Amino acid sequence: MPVTKTEFNKDKAGYADGSIKAVKYIKSIDRIPFYRIEKDYQSGNSIHGSLNDALAQGYYGTTSYSSFNQLNYVRFLEETGLIVKGDETATRWITGFRGYPLLQTFGNVKYHLSKSENPEFEKFGFEKIARKNGITILKNKFYLPFGYTYDKYIDFNIY
């Protein structure tokens, strides 16, 4: 169904749901721009929720729709069991770590957005830091930055 210019400017096709202001708040308190944000909801008014909210709302997330998602990210998701190996459709419609709070730590998710005032993620090491425009902002107490290293590892074949 077509949208008029006035309708679009009113709510930005559903993307003006408070998420952009929550992301702006996070960026104002955390000047290091290399982390991920995830949500437990999708923005937009379409019947099918977008997996590209991060792209539209100005943050790095774990979900993505693309015909050519990054191969190593796809392989990583296959090895964690989030994508079935050989399922080409799953490599295009990547739901990432949404709904997997423990894997979000491993996937470098530092902040989590929820429309709930008492998000389930509080049970998994995320703590409330603010509530802005109907969005609860949580910070991952166990966040791991990109590029962390190990002094011990397990061989893939043993894994």
N, C-alpha and C. Protein backbone atom coordinates (compact mmCIF):
# COMPACT_ATOMS: atom_id res chain seq x y z
N MET A 1 0.84 -1.17 0.00
CA MET A 1 0.00 0.00 0.00
C MET A 1 0.89 1.24 0.00
N PRO A 2 0.65 2.18 -0.91
CA PRO A 2 1.48 3.38 -0.97
C PRO A 2 1.30 4.26 0.26
N VAL A 3 2.35 5.00 0.57
CA VAL A 3 2.35 5.90 1.72
C VAL A 3 2.54 7.32 1.18
N THR A 4 1.76 8.24 1.70
CA THR A 4 1.92 9.63 1.27
C THR A 4 3.14 10.23 1.96
N LYS A 5 3.62 11.34 1.41
CA LYS A 5 4.77 12.04 1.99
C LYS A 5 4.45 12.46 3.43
N THR A 6 3.25 12.94 3.66
CA THR A 6 2.84 13.37 5.01
C THR A 6 2.86 12.19 5.98
N GLU A 7 2.33 11.05 5.55
CA GLU A 7 2.33 9.86 6.40
C GLU A 7 3.75 9.40 6.71
N PHE A 8 4.62 9.43 5.69
CA PHE A 8 6.00 9.02 5.90
C PHE A 8 6.70 9.95 6.89
N ASN A 9 6.54 11.25 6.71
CA ASN A 9 7.19 12.21 7.60
C ASN A 9 6.69 12.11 9.03
N LYS A 10 5.46 11.63 9.22
CA LYS A 10 4.90 11.52 10.56
C LYS A 10 5.63 10.46 11.39
N ASP A 11 5.82 9.25 10.83
CA ASP A 11 6.44 8.19 11.63
C ASP A 11 7.57 7.45 10.92
N LYS A 12 8.03 7.99 9.80
CA LYS A 12 9.15 7.41 9.04
C LYS A 12 8.91 5.93 8.75
N ALA A 13 7.70 5.59 8.35
CA ALA A 13 7.30 4.21 8.01
C ALA A 13 7.50 3.25 9.17
N GLY A 14 7.32 3.76 10.39
CA GLY A 14 7.44 2.92 11.58
C GLY A 14 8.81 2.95 12.22
N TYR A 15 9.78 3.56 11.55
CA TYR A 15 11.13 3.59 12.11
C TYR A 15 11.31 4.67 13.17
N ALA A 16 10.35 5.56 13.31
CA ALA A 16 10.41 6.59 14.35
C ALA A 16 9.71 6.06 15.60
N ASP A 17 10.14 4.90 16.07
CA ASP A 17 9.50 4.24 17.21
C ASP A 17 10.27 4.44 18.51
N GLY A 18 11.23 5.33 18.54
CA GLY A 18 12.05 5.56 19.72
C GLY A 18 13.43 4.94 19.61
N SER A 19 13.61 4.01 18.68
CA SER A 19 14.90 3.32 18.53
C SER A 19 16.02 4.28 18.15
N ILE A 20 15.75 5.17 17.22
CA ILE A 20 16.79 6.09 16.76
C ILE A 20 17.25 6.99 17.91
N LYS A 21 16.30 7.45 18.72
CA LYS A 21 16.67 8.29 19.88
C LYS A 21 17.43 7.48 20.92
N ALA A 22 17.07 6.20 21.10
CA ALA A 22 17.80 5.34 22.03
C ALA A 22 19.24 5.12 21.54
N VAL A 23 19.40 4.92 20.25
CA VAL A 23 20.73 4.74 19.67
C VAL A 23 21.55 6.03 19.84
N LYS A 24 20.92 7.17 19.61
CA LYS A 24 21.60 8.46 19.80
C LYS A 24 22.07 8.62 21.24
N TYR A 25 21.23 8.20 22.19
CA TYR A 25 21.60 8.27 23.61
C TYR A 25 22.82 7.38 23.87
N ILE A 26 22.80 6.16 23.36
CA ILE A 26 23.94 5.25 23.56
C ILE A 26 25.21 5.87 23.00
N LYS A 27 25.12 6.43 21.79
CA LYS A 27 26.30 7.04 21.17
C LYS A 27 26.79 8.25 21.96
N SER A 28 25.90 8.91 22.70
CA SER A 28 26.32 10.06 23.50
C SER A 28 27.04 9.65 24.78
N ILE A 29 26.78 8.44 25.27
CA ILE A 29 27.45 7.99 26.50
C ILE A 29 28.61 7.04 26.22
N ASP A 30 28.71 6.51 25.02
CA ASP A 30 29.77 5.56 24.67
C ASP A 30 30.41 6.03 23.38
N ARG A 31 31.54 6.67 23.49
CA ARG A 31 32.21 7.28 22.33
C ARG A 31 32.99 6.27 21.48
N ILE A 32 33.16 5.04 21.96
CA ILE A 32 33.85 4.02 21.17
C ILE A 32 32.82 3.41 20.23
N PRO A 33 32.94 3.64 18.93
CA PRO A 33 31.86 3.26 18.01
C PRO A 33 31.85 1.81 17.55
N PHE A 34 32.71 0.97 18.08
CA PHE A 34 32.85 -0.38 17.54
C PHE A 34 32.23 -1.41 18.48
N TYR A 35 30.92 -1.47 18.50
CA TYR A 35 30.17 -2.45 19.29
C TYR A 35 28.85 -2.68 18.58
N ARG A 36 28.15 -3.72 19.02
CA ARG A 36 26.86 -4.02 18.42
C ARG A 36 25.73 -3.71 19.39
N ILE A 37 24.58 -3.39 18.81
CA ILE A 37 23.34 -3.17 19.54
C ILE A 37 22.34 -4.17 18.97
N GLU A 38 21.55 -4.77 19.82
CA GLU A 38 20.50 -5.68 19.35
C GLU A 38 19.19 -5.28 20.00
N LYS A 39 18.09 -5.71 19.40
CA LYS A 39 16.75 -5.39 19.89
C LYS A 39 15.95 -6.67 20.06
N ASP A 40 14.91 -6.61 20.88
CA ASP A 40 14.01 -7.77 20.99
C ASP A 40 12.68 -7.47 20.27
N TYR A 41 12.73 -6.55 19.34
CA TYR A 41 11.57 -6.17 18.54
C TYR A 41 12.08 -5.69 17.20
N GLN A 42 11.16 -5.52 16.26
CA GLN A 42 11.51 -4.98 14.95
C GLN A 42 10.74 -3.69 14.71
N SER A 43 11.37 -2.76 14.05
CA SER A 43 10.73 -1.50 13.70
C SER A 43 10.10 -1.63 12.32
N GLY A 44 9.36 -0.64 11.94
CA GLY A 44 8.74 -0.63 10.62
C GLY A 44 7.30 -1.11 10.69
N ASN A 45 6.53 -0.75 9.66
CA ASN A 45 5.10 -1.08 9.63
C ASN A 45 4.76 -2.23 8.70
N SER A 46 5.73 -2.86 8.09
CA SER A 46 5.39 -3.89 7.12
C SER A 46 4.94 -5.18 7.82
N ILE A 47 4.28 -6.02 7.07
CA ILE A 47 3.83 -7.31 7.60
C ILE A 47 5.03 -8.13 8.04
N HIS A 48 6.09 -8.11 7.23
CA HIS A 48 7.31 -8.84 7.55
C HIS A 48 8.31 -7.86 8.14
N GLY A 49 8.78 -8.14 9.35
CA GLY A 49 9.75 -7.25 9.99
C GLY A 49 11.06 -7.22 9.22
N SER A 50 11.72 -6.10 9.27
CA SER A 50 12.99 -5.93 8.56
C SER A 50 14.14 -6.50 9.38
N LEU A 51 15.08 -7.12 8.69
CA LEU A 51 16.31 -7.56 9.33
C LEU A 51 17.40 -6.50 9.17
N ASN A 52 17.06 -5.38 8.53
CA ASN A 52 18.03 -4.31 8.29
C ASN A 52 17.73 -3.07 9.13
N ASP A 53 17.10 -3.26 10.30
CA ASP A 53 16.84 -2.13 11.19
C ASP A 53 18.12 -1.39 11.54
N ALA A 54 19.19 -2.13 11.80
CA ALA A 54 20.46 -1.50 12.17
C ALA A 54 20.93 -0.54 11.09
N LEU A 55 20.84 -0.97 9.85
CA LEU A 55 21.25 -0.13 8.72
C LEU A 55 20.38 1.12 8.64
N ALA A 56 19.06 0.96 8.82
CA ALA A 56 18.13 2.08 8.72
C ALA A 56 18.20 3.02 9.92
N GLN A 57 18.61 2.49 11.08
CA GLN A 57 18.56 3.29 12.31
C GLN A 57 19.94 3.68 12.85
N GLY A 58 20.99 3.37 12.12
CA GLY A 58 22.31 3.91 12.44
C GLY A 58 23.11 3.19 13.51
N TYR A 59 23.07 1.87 13.54
CA TYR A 59 23.90 1.13 14.50
C TYR A 59 24.34 -0.19 13.87
N TYR A 60 25.26 -0.87 14.54
CA TYR A 60 25.70 -2.19 14.10
C TYR A 60 24.91 -3.24 14.88
N GLY A 61 24.26 -4.15 14.16
CA GLY A 61 23.49 -5.21 14.79
C GLY A 61 23.98 -6.57 14.35
N THR A 62 23.17 -7.59 14.58
CA THR A 62 23.55 -8.95 14.19
C THR A 62 22.64 -9.51 13.10
N THR A 63 21.52 -8.85 12.83
CA THR A 63 20.60 -9.34 11.81
C THR A 63 20.92 -8.68 10.47
N SER A 64 20.53 -9.35 9.39
CA SER A 64 20.82 -8.78 8.07
C SER A 64 20.02 -9.50 7.00
N TYR A 65 19.53 -8.73 6.04
CA TYR A 65 19.02 -9.32 4.81
C TYR A 65 19.89 -8.80 3.68
N SER A 66 20.51 -9.72 2.97
CA SER A 66 21.32 -9.37 1.81
C SER A 66 21.51 -10.63 0.97
N SER A 67 21.55 -10.44 -0.32
CA SER A 67 21.84 -11.58 -1.20
C SER A 67 23.26 -12.07 -1.02
N PHE A 68 24.12 -11.19 -0.50
CA PHE A 68 25.54 -11.52 -0.35
C PHE A 68 26.04 -11.13 1.04
N ASN A 69 25.52 -11.77 2.07
CA ASN A 69 26.04 -11.53 3.41
C ASN A 69 27.49 -11.99 3.49
N GLN A 70 28.24 -11.40 4.38
CA GLN A 70 29.67 -11.68 4.52
C GLN A 70 29.89 -13.17 4.80
N LEU A 71 30.71 -13.81 3.98
CA LEU A 71 30.90 -15.25 4.03
C LEU A 71 31.38 -15.76 5.39
N ASN A 72 32.32 -15.07 6.01
CA ASN A 72 32.83 -15.54 7.29
C ASN A 72 31.80 -15.40 8.40
N TYR A 73 30.95 -14.40 8.32
CA TYR A 73 29.85 -14.27 9.29
C TYR A 73 28.87 -15.43 9.11
N VAL A 74 28.56 -15.76 7.86
CA VAL A 74 27.68 -16.88 7.57
C VAL A 74 28.29 -18.18 8.11
N ARG A 75 29.57 -18.39 7.88
CA ARG A 75 30.24 -19.60 8.38
C ARG A 75 30.21 -19.65 9.91
N PHE A 76 30.43 -18.52 10.54
CA PHE A 76 30.39 -18.45 12.00
C PHE A 76 29.00 -18.86 12.50
N LEU A 77 27.96 -18.33 11.88
CA LEU A 77 26.59 -18.67 12.29
C LEU A 77 26.28 -20.14 12.01
N GLU A 78 26.83 -20.68 10.95
CA GLU A 78 26.67 -22.12 10.67
C GLU A 78 27.32 -22.96 11.77
N GLU A 79 28.52 -22.57 12.17
CA GLU A 79 29.25 -23.34 13.19
C GLU A 79 28.61 -23.23 14.57
N THR A 80 27.92 -22.13 14.85
CA THR A 80 27.23 -22.00 16.13
C THR A 80 25.85 -22.65 16.09
N GLY A 81 25.45 -23.14 14.92
CA GLY A 81 24.17 -23.82 14.79
C GLY A 81 22.99 -22.90 14.57
N LEU A 82 23.23 -21.61 14.33
CA LEU A 82 22.13 -20.66 14.11
C LEU A 82 21.66 -20.68 12.66
N ILE A 83 22.48 -21.19 11.77
CA ILE A 83 22.11 -21.38 10.37
C ILE A 83 22.46 -22.83 10.03
N VAL A 84 21.56 -23.50 9.36
CA VAL A 84 21.82 -24.87 8.92
C VAL A 84 22.76 -24.81 7.72
N LYS A 85 23.85 -25.57 7.80
CA LYS A 85 24.80 -25.60 6.68
C LYS A 85 24.09 -26.03 5.41
N GLY A 86 24.34 -25.31 4.33
CA GLY A 86 23.75 -25.64 3.04
C GLY A 86 22.39 -25.01 2.79
N ASP A 87 21.83 -24.32 3.78
CA ASP A 87 20.53 -23.66 3.60
C ASP A 87 20.78 -22.26 3.04
N GLU A 88 20.76 -22.15 1.72
CA GLU A 88 21.11 -20.90 1.05
C GLU A 88 20.17 -19.76 1.46
N THR A 89 18.90 -20.05 1.67
CA THR A 89 17.95 -19.00 2.07
C THR A 89 18.34 -18.42 3.43
N ALA A 90 18.79 -19.25 4.34
CA ALA A 90 19.20 -18.78 5.67
C ALA A 90 20.42 -17.87 5.60
N THR A 91 21.23 -18.00 4.57
CA THR A 91 22.40 -17.13 4.43
C THR A 91 22.01 -15.73 3.97
N ARG A 92 20.80 -15.59 3.43
CA ARG A 92 20.29 -14.27 3.00
C ARG A 92 19.51 -13.60 4.12
N TRP A 93 18.68 -14.35 4.82
CA TRP A 93 17.80 -13.84 5.88
C TRP A 93 18.42 -14.19 7.23
N ILE A 94 19.41 -13.43 7.65
CA ILE A 94 20.15 -13.75 8.88
C ILE A 94 19.49 -13.07 10.08
N THR A 95 19.01 -13.90 10.99
CA THR A 95 18.39 -13.36 12.21
C THR A 95 19.42 -13.15 13.31
N GLY A 96 20.67 -13.49 13.06
CA GLY A 96 21.76 -13.21 13.98
C GLY A 96 21.54 -13.81 15.36
N PHE A 97 21.84 -13.02 16.37
CA PHE A 97 21.76 -13.48 17.75
C PHE A 97 20.50 -13.00 18.46
N ARG A 98 19.58 -12.43 17.71
CA ARG A 98 18.34 -11.96 18.31
C ARG A 98 17.66 -13.13 19.01
N GLY A 99 17.37 -12.97 20.29
CA GLY A 99 16.73 -14.03 21.06
C GLY A 99 17.71 -14.99 21.71
N TYR A 100 18.99 -14.77 21.54
CA TYR A 100 20.03 -15.62 22.14
C TYR A 100 20.94 -14.76 23.03
N PRO A 101 20.52 -14.45 24.24
CA PRO A 101 21.28 -13.53 25.08
C PRO A 101 22.71 -13.98 25.38
N LEU A 102 22.94 -15.26 25.58
CA LEU A 102 24.29 -15.71 25.89
C LEU A 102 25.21 -15.61 24.68
N LEU A 103 24.68 -15.87 23.50
CA LEU A 103 25.49 -15.72 22.29
C LEU A 103 25.74 -14.26 21.95
N GLN A 104 24.88 -13.37 22.42
CA GLN A 104 25.10 -11.94 22.15
C GLN A 104 26.40 -11.47 22.79
N THR A 105 26.74 -12.01 23.95
CA THR A 105 28.02 -11.66 24.57
C THR A 105 29.16 -12.08 23.65
N PHE A 106 29.10 -13.30 23.17
CA PHE A 106 30.13 -13.82 22.28
C PHE A 106 30.15 -13.06 20.95
N GLY A 107 29.00 -12.52 20.54
CA GLY A 107 28.88 -11.79 19.28
C GLY A 107 29.08 -10.30 19.41
N ASN A 108 29.70 -9.86 20.51
CA ASN A 108 30.09 -8.46 20.70
C ASN A 108 28.92 -7.49 20.83
N VAL A 109 27.78 -7.96 21.33
CA VAL A 109 26.64 -7.08 21.56
C VAL A 109 26.82 -6.42 22.92
N LYS A 110 26.92 -5.10 22.91
CA LYS A 110 27.15 -4.35 24.14
C LYS A 110 25.87 -3.77 24.71
N TYR A 111 24.91 -3.43 23.84
CA TYR A 111 23.66 -2.82 24.28
C TYR A 111 22.48 -3.58 23.69
N HIS A 112 21.40 -3.60 24.44
CA HIS A 112 20.18 -4.28 24.02
C HIS A 112 19.01 -3.32 24.21
N LEU A 113 18.15 -3.22 23.21
CA LEU A 113 16.98 -2.35 23.27
C LEU A 113 15.73 -3.20 23.40
N SER A 114 14.82 -2.76 24.25
CA SER A 114 13.57 -3.49 24.46
C SER A 114 12.43 -2.51 24.66
N LYS A 115 11.26 -2.85 24.15
CA LYS A 115 10.08 -2.03 24.40
C LYS A 115 9.44 -2.41 25.74
N SER A 116 9.90 -3.48 26.34
CA SER A 116 9.39 -3.91 27.64
C SER A 116 10.05 -3.09 28.76
N GLU A 117 9.29 -2.78 29.80
CA GLU A 117 9.88 -2.08 30.95
C GLU A 117 10.70 -3.03 31.81
N ASN A 118 10.41 -4.33 31.71
CA ASN A 118 11.16 -5.35 32.46
C ASN A 118 11.61 -6.45 31.49
N PRO A 119 12.63 -6.17 30.69
CA PRO A 119 13.07 -7.12 29.66
C PRO A 119 13.62 -8.42 30.24
N GLU A 120 13.37 -9.50 29.53
CA GLU A 120 13.87 -10.82 29.92
C GLU A 120 15.40 -10.86 29.98
N PHE A 121 16.06 -10.03 29.19
CA PHE A 121 17.52 -10.07 29.12
C PHE A 121 18.19 -9.68 30.44
N GLU A 122 17.44 -9.09 31.36
CA GLU A 122 18.01 -8.77 32.67
C GLU A 122 18.44 -10.04 33.40
N LYS A 123 17.83 -11.16 33.06
CA LYS A 123 18.17 -12.45 33.68
C LYS A 123 19.49 -13.01 33.14
N PHE A 124 20.03 -12.39 32.10
CA PHE A 124 21.20 -12.94 31.42
C PHE A 124 22.39 -11.98 31.42
N GLY A 125 22.49 -11.13 32.42
CA GLY A 125 23.66 -10.26 32.54
C GLY A 125 23.55 -8.91 31.89
N PHE A 126 22.36 -8.53 31.47
CA PHE A 126 22.14 -7.20 30.92
C PHE A 126 21.49 -6.35 32.00
N GLU A 127 21.99 -5.12 32.19
CA GLU A 127 21.42 -4.25 33.22
C GLU A 127 20.82 -2.99 32.60
N LYS A 128 19.70 -2.55 33.17
CA LYS A 128 19.05 -1.32 32.68
C LYS A 128 19.95 -0.13 32.95
N ILE A 129 20.11 0.70 31.94
CA ILE A 129 20.86 1.93 32.14
C ILE A 129 20.00 3.16 31.87
N ALA A 130 18.91 2.99 31.11
CA ALA A 130 18.04 4.14 30.82
C ALA A 130 16.75 3.64 30.17
N ARG A 131 15.78 4.54 30.17
CA ARG A 131 14.54 4.31 29.41
C ARG A 131 14.25 5.60 28.67
N LYS A 132 14.26 5.53 27.35
CA LYS A 132 14.09 6.71 26.50
C LYS A 132 13.01 6.43 25.46
N ASN A 133 12.02 7.31 25.38
CA ASN A 133 10.98 7.25 24.34
C ASN A 133 10.34 5.86 24.23
N GLY A 134 10.05 5.25 25.37
CA GLY A 134 9.40 3.95 25.38
C GLY A 134 10.32 2.77 25.13
N ILE A 135 11.62 3.02 25.11
CA ILE A 135 12.62 1.97 24.87
C ILE A 135 13.50 1.82 26.11
N THR A 136 13.59 0.59 26.62
CA THR A 136 14.51 0.31 27.73
C THR A 136 15.87 -0.02 27.13
N ILE A 137 16.90 0.63 27.64
CA ILE A 137 18.26 0.42 27.16
C ILE A 137 19.01 -0.38 28.21
N LEU A 138 19.55 -1.51 27.78
CA LEU A 138 20.30 -2.37 28.67
C LEU A 138 21.76 -2.44 28.21
N LYS A 139 22.65 -2.62 29.16
CA LYS A 139 24.07 -2.78 28.85
C LYS A 139 24.51 -4.17 29.29
N ASN A 140 25.25 -4.83 28.44
CA ASN A 140 25.74 -6.18 28.71
C ASN A 140 26.93 -6.11 29.67
N LYS A 141 26.75 -6.66 30.88
CA LYS A 141 27.82 -6.63 31.89
C LYS A 141 29.01 -7.49 31.48
N PHE A 142 28.79 -8.42 30.55
CA PHE A 142 29.84 -9.34 30.15
C PHE A 142 30.33 -9.11 28.72
N TYR A 143 30.08 -7.92 28.21
CA TYR A 143 30.43 -7.56 26.84
C TYR A 143 31.89 -7.88 26.53
N LEU A 144 32.12 -8.46 25.35
CA LEU A 144 33.46 -8.72 24.85
C LEU A 144 33.69 -7.85 23.62
N PRO A 145 34.76 -7.08 23.60
CA PRO A 145 35.01 -6.21 22.45
C PRO A 145 35.42 -7.02 21.23
N PHE A 146 35.31 -6.40 20.05
CA PHE A 146 35.82 -7.02 18.83
C PHE A 146 37.33 -7.19 18.98
N GLY A 147 37.86 -8.27 18.49
CA GLY A 147 39.31 -8.45 18.47
C GLY A 147 39.91 -8.93 19.77
N TYR A 148 39.15 -9.55 20.64
CA TYR A 148 39.75 -10.09 21.86
C TYR A 148 40.55 -11.34 21.51
N THR A 149 41.51 -11.67 22.37
CA THR A 149 42.39 -12.80 22.09
C THR A 149 42.32 -13.83 23.21
N TYR A 150 42.87 -14.99 22.93
CA TYR A 150 42.90 -16.08 23.89
C TYR A 150 44.34 -16.55 24.10
N ASP A 151 44.62 -17.09 25.27
CA ASP A 151 45.91 -17.73 25.47
C ASP A 151 45.78 -19.25 25.42
N LYS A 152 44.53 -19.75 25.35
CA LYS A 152 44.26 -21.18 25.20
C LYS A 152 43.09 -21.33 24.25
N TYR A 153 43.06 -22.43 23.54
CA TYR A 153 41.96 -22.68 22.62
C TYR A 153 41.78 -24.18 22.45
N ILE A 154 40.67 -24.56 21.86
CA ILE A 154 40.39 -25.96 21.56
C ILE A 154 40.37 -26.12 20.04
N ASP A 155 41.04 -27.14 19.56
CA ASP A 155 41.09 -27.40 18.13
C ASP A 155 39.69 -27.67 17.60
N PHE A 156 39.38 -27.18 16.39
CA PHE A 156 38.05 -27.34 15.82
C PHE A 156 37.64 -28.81 15.74
N ASN A 157 38.55 -29.68 15.35
CA ASN A 157 38.22 -31.11 15.23
C ASN A 157 37.86 -31.73 16.58
N ILE A 158 38.48 -31.25 17.64
CA ILE A 158 38.14 -31.74 18.99
C ILE A 158 36.79 -31.19 19.41
N TYR A 159 36.53 -29.92 19.03
CA TYR A 159 35.25 -29.28 19.36
C TYR A 159 34.10 -30.09 18.80
